[in-house]
Amino acid sequence: MTAISLNLEPLVQGLTHEQFYELCMVNQDLAMERSPKGELLIMSPVGGESGRKEADYIIDLGIWNRQTGLGVVFSSSTVFKLPNGGDRSPDVAWV
């Protein structure tokens, strides 16, 4: 997946997690992430092969998680606030 990095520091300097979430909600057609430096990353859509692999990972992890009941599975639509200050959306996540 290719990302476009926009340095909007003068505009988004000190953007809170809630403000970043609001920015994502008013721009739902864009897959946005934020680097630990505060750079806004706009992710391009994945291609067919990558999308298929992502779906396979979600299915496999979801089946395993239902059998074990050890956590929660999230899709790539979920944004996670990381300890380093970044906000990222992995292809699949298990918590």
C-alpha atoms as a PDB file:
ATOM      1  CA  MET A   1       0.000   0.000   0.000  1.00  0.00           C
ATOM      2  CA  THR A   2       1.360   3.391  -0.940  1.00  0.00           C
ATOM      3  CA  ALA A   3       0.933   6.330   1.401  1.00  0.00           C
ATOM      4  CA  ILE A   4       0.990  10.027   0.664  1.00  0.00           C
ATOM      5  CA  SER A   5       2.552  11.947   3.535  1.00  0.00           C
ATOM      6  CA  LEU A   6       1.313  15.478   4.108  1.00  0.00           C
ATOM      7  CA  ASN A   7       3.215  17.726   6.480  1.00  0.00           C
ATOM      8  CA  LEU A   8       0.429  19.867   7.882  1.00  0.00           C
ATOM      9  CA  GLU A   9       2.344  20.776  11.023  1.00  0.00           C
ATOM     10  CA  PRO A  10       1.327  24.447  10.999  1.00  0.00           C
ATOM     11  CA  LEU A  11      -2.334  23.405  10.766  1.00  0.00           C
ATOM     12  CA  VAL A  12      -2.454  20.244  12.848  1.00  0.00           C
ATOM     13  CA  GLN A  13       0.306  20.843  15.379  1.00  0.00           C
ATOM     14  CA  GLY A  14      -0.834  19.410  18.688  1.00  0.00           C
ATOM     15  CA  LEU A  15      -3.882  17.729  17.151  1.00  0.00           C
ATOM     16  CA  THR A  16      -5.514  15.656  19.884  1.00  0.00           C
ATOM     17  CA  HIS A  17      -6.622  12.071  19.334  1.00  0.00           C
ATOM     18  CA  GLU A  18     -10.241  13.248  19.399  1.00  0.00           C
ATOM     19  CA  GLN A  19      -9.541  15.952  16.788  1.00  0.00           C
ATOM     20  CA  PHE A  20      -7.767  13.425  14.553  1.00  0.00           C
ATOM     21  CA  TYR A  21     -10.763  11.098  14.889  1.00  0.00           C
ATOM     22  CA  GLU A  22     -13.104  13.949  13.937  1.00  0.00           C
ATOM     23  CA  LEU A  23     -10.917  14.725  10.902  1.00  0.00           C
ATOM     24  CA  CYS A  24     -11.186  11.066   9.851  1.00  0.00           C
ATOM     25  CA  MET A  25     -14.970  11.093  10.311  1.00  0.00           C
ATOM     26  CA  VAL A  26     -15.493  14.136   8.064  1.00  0.00           C
ATOM     27  CA  ASN A  27     -13.220  12.561   5.414  1.00  0.00           C
ATOM     28  CA  GLN A  28     -14.500   8.980   5.458  1.00  0.00           C
ATOM     29  CA  ASP A  29     -13.544   8.410   1.811  1.00  0.00           C
ATOM     30  CA  LEU A  30      -9.868   8.667   2.809  1.00  0.00           C
ATOM     31  CA  ALA A  31      -7.905   6.106   4.822  1.00  0.00           C
ATOM     32  CA  MET A  32      -5.859   8.336   7.114  1.00  0.00           C
ATOM     33  CA  GLU A  33      -3.159   7.527   9.616  1.00  0.00           C
ATOM     34  CA  ARG A  34      -0.831   9.749  11.630  1.00  0.00           C
ATOM     35  CA  SER A  35       2.880   9.258  12.241  1.00  0.00           C
ATOM     36  CA  PRO A  36       4.473   9.781  15.670  1.00  0.00           C
ATOM     37  CA  LYS A  37       5.782  13.107  14.303  1.00  0.00           C
ATOM     38  CA  GLY A  38       2.211  14.239  13.589  1.00  0.00           C
ATOM     39  CA  GLU A  39       2.454  13.789   9.816  1.00  0.00           C
ATOM     40  CA  LEU A  40      -0.885  13.005   8.220  1.00  0.00           C
ATOM     41  CA  LEU A  41      -0.680   9.870   6.045  1.00  0.00           C
ATOM     42  CA  ILE A  42      -3.299   9.267   3.372  1.00  0.00           C
ATOM     43  CA  MET A  43      -3.273   5.617   2.346  1.00  0.00           C
ATOM     44  CA  SER A  44      -4.078   4.492  -1.176  1.00  0.00           C
ATOM     45  CA  PRO A  45      -6.537   1.630  -1.706  1.00  0.00           C
ATOM     46  CA  VAL A  46      -5.030  -1.856  -1.858  1.00  0.00           C
ATOM     47  CA  GLY A  47      -5.040  -3.908  -5.032  1.00  0.00           C
ATOM     48  CA  GLY A  48      -6.919  -7.155  -5.557  1.00  0.00           C
ATOM     49  CA  GLU A  49      -4.155  -9.501  -4.431  1.00  0.00           C
ATOM     50  CA  SER A  50      -3.432  -7.529  -1.255  1.00  0.00           C
ATOM     51  CA  GLY A  51      -7.140  -7.260  -0.490  1.00  0.00           C
ATOM     52  CA  ARG A  52      -7.576 -11.009  -0.905  1.00  0.00           C
ATOM     53  CA  LYS A  53      -4.655 -11.751   1.425  1.00  0.00           C
ATOM     54  CA  GLU A  54      -5.999  -9.293   3.983  1.00  0.00           C
ATOM     55  CA  ALA A  55      -9.403 -11.023   3.865  1.00  0.00           C
ATOM     56  CA  ASP A  56      -7.743 -14.436   4.314  1.00  0.00           C
ATOM     57  CA  TYR A  57      -5.851 -13.184   7.387  1.00  0.00           C
ATOM     58  CA  ILE A  58      -9.032 -11.761   8.926  1.00  0.00           C
ATOM     59  CA  ILE A  59     -10.953 -14.997   8.294  1.00  0.00           C
ATOM     60  CA  ASP A  60      -8.188 -17.225   9.708  1.00  0.00           C
ATOM     61  CA  LEU A  61      -7.629 -15.024  12.745  1.00  0.00           C
ATOM     62  CA  GLY A  62     -11.374 -14.664  13.322  1.00  0.00           C
ATOM     63  CA  ILE A  63     -11.960 -18.428  13.214  1.00  0.00           C
ATOM     64  CA  TRP A  64      -9.047 -19.043  15.591  1.00  0.00           C
ATOM     65  CA  ASN A  65     -10.286 -16.324  17.940  1.00  0.00           C
ATOM     66  CA  ARG A  66     -13.836 -17.724  18.009  1.00  0.00           C
ATOM     67  CA  GLN A  67     -12.438 -21.153  18.890  1.00  0.00           C
ATOM     68  CA  THR A  68     -10.174 -19.863  21.655  1.00  0.00           C
ATOM     69  CA  GLY A  69     -12.082 -16.801  22.870  1.00  0.00           C
ATOM     70  CA  LEU A  70      -8.784 -15.167  23.771  1.00  0.00           C
ATOM     71  CA  GLY A  71      -9.324 -11.690  22.374  1.00  0.00           C
ATOM     72  CA  VAL A  72     -10.962  -9.435  19.811  1.00  0.00           C
ATOM     73  CA  VAL A  73     -10.218  -9.205  16.064  1.00  0.00           C
ATOM     74  CA  PHE A  74     -10.289  -5.855  14.247  1.00  0.00           C
ATOM     75  CA  SER A  75     -10.305  -5.008  10.522  1.00  0.00           C
ATOM     76  CA  SER A  76      -8.184  -2.455   8.676  1.00  0.00           C
ATOM     77  CA  SER A  77     -10.926   0.136   9.240  1.00  0.00           C
ATOM     78  CA  THR A  78      -9.887   0.408  12.895  1.00  0.00           C
ATOM     79  CA  VAL A  79      -7.433   3.127  13.953  1.00  0.00           C
ATOM     80  CA  PHE A  80      -5.243   2.365  16.971  1.00  0.00           C
ATOM     81  CA  LYS A  81      -3.555   5.023  19.098  1.00  0.00           C
ATOM     82  CA  LEU A  82       0.018   3.800  19.588  1.00  0.00           C
ATOM     83  CA  PRO A  83       2.297   4.524  22.569  1.00  0.00           C
ATOM     84  CA  ASN A  84       4.687   6.440  20.273  1.00  0.00           C
ATOM     85  CA  GLY A  85       1.920   8.945  19.447  1.00  0.00           C
ATOM     86  CA  GLY A  86       1.017   7.555  16.038  1.00  0.00           C
ATOM     87  CA  ASP A  87      -2.451   6.544  14.900  1.00  0.00           C
ATOM     88  CA  ARG A  88      -2.308   3.490  12.625  1.00  0.00           C
ATOM     89  CA  SER A  89      -4.652   1.039  10.914  1.00  0.00           C
ATOM     90  CA  PRO A  90      -3.095  -2.416  10.472  1.00  0.00           C
ATOM     91  CA  ASP A  91      -4.439  -4.846   7.868  1.00  0.00           C
ATOM     92  CA  VAL A  92      -5.788  -6.983  10.710  1.00  0.00           C
ATOM     93  CA  ALA A  93      -5.359  -6.755  14.470  1.00  0.00           C
ATOM     94  CA  TRP A  94      -5.940  -9.020  17.437  1.00  0.00           C
ATOM     95  CA  VAL A  95      -6.115  -7.647  20.962  1.00  0.00           C
END
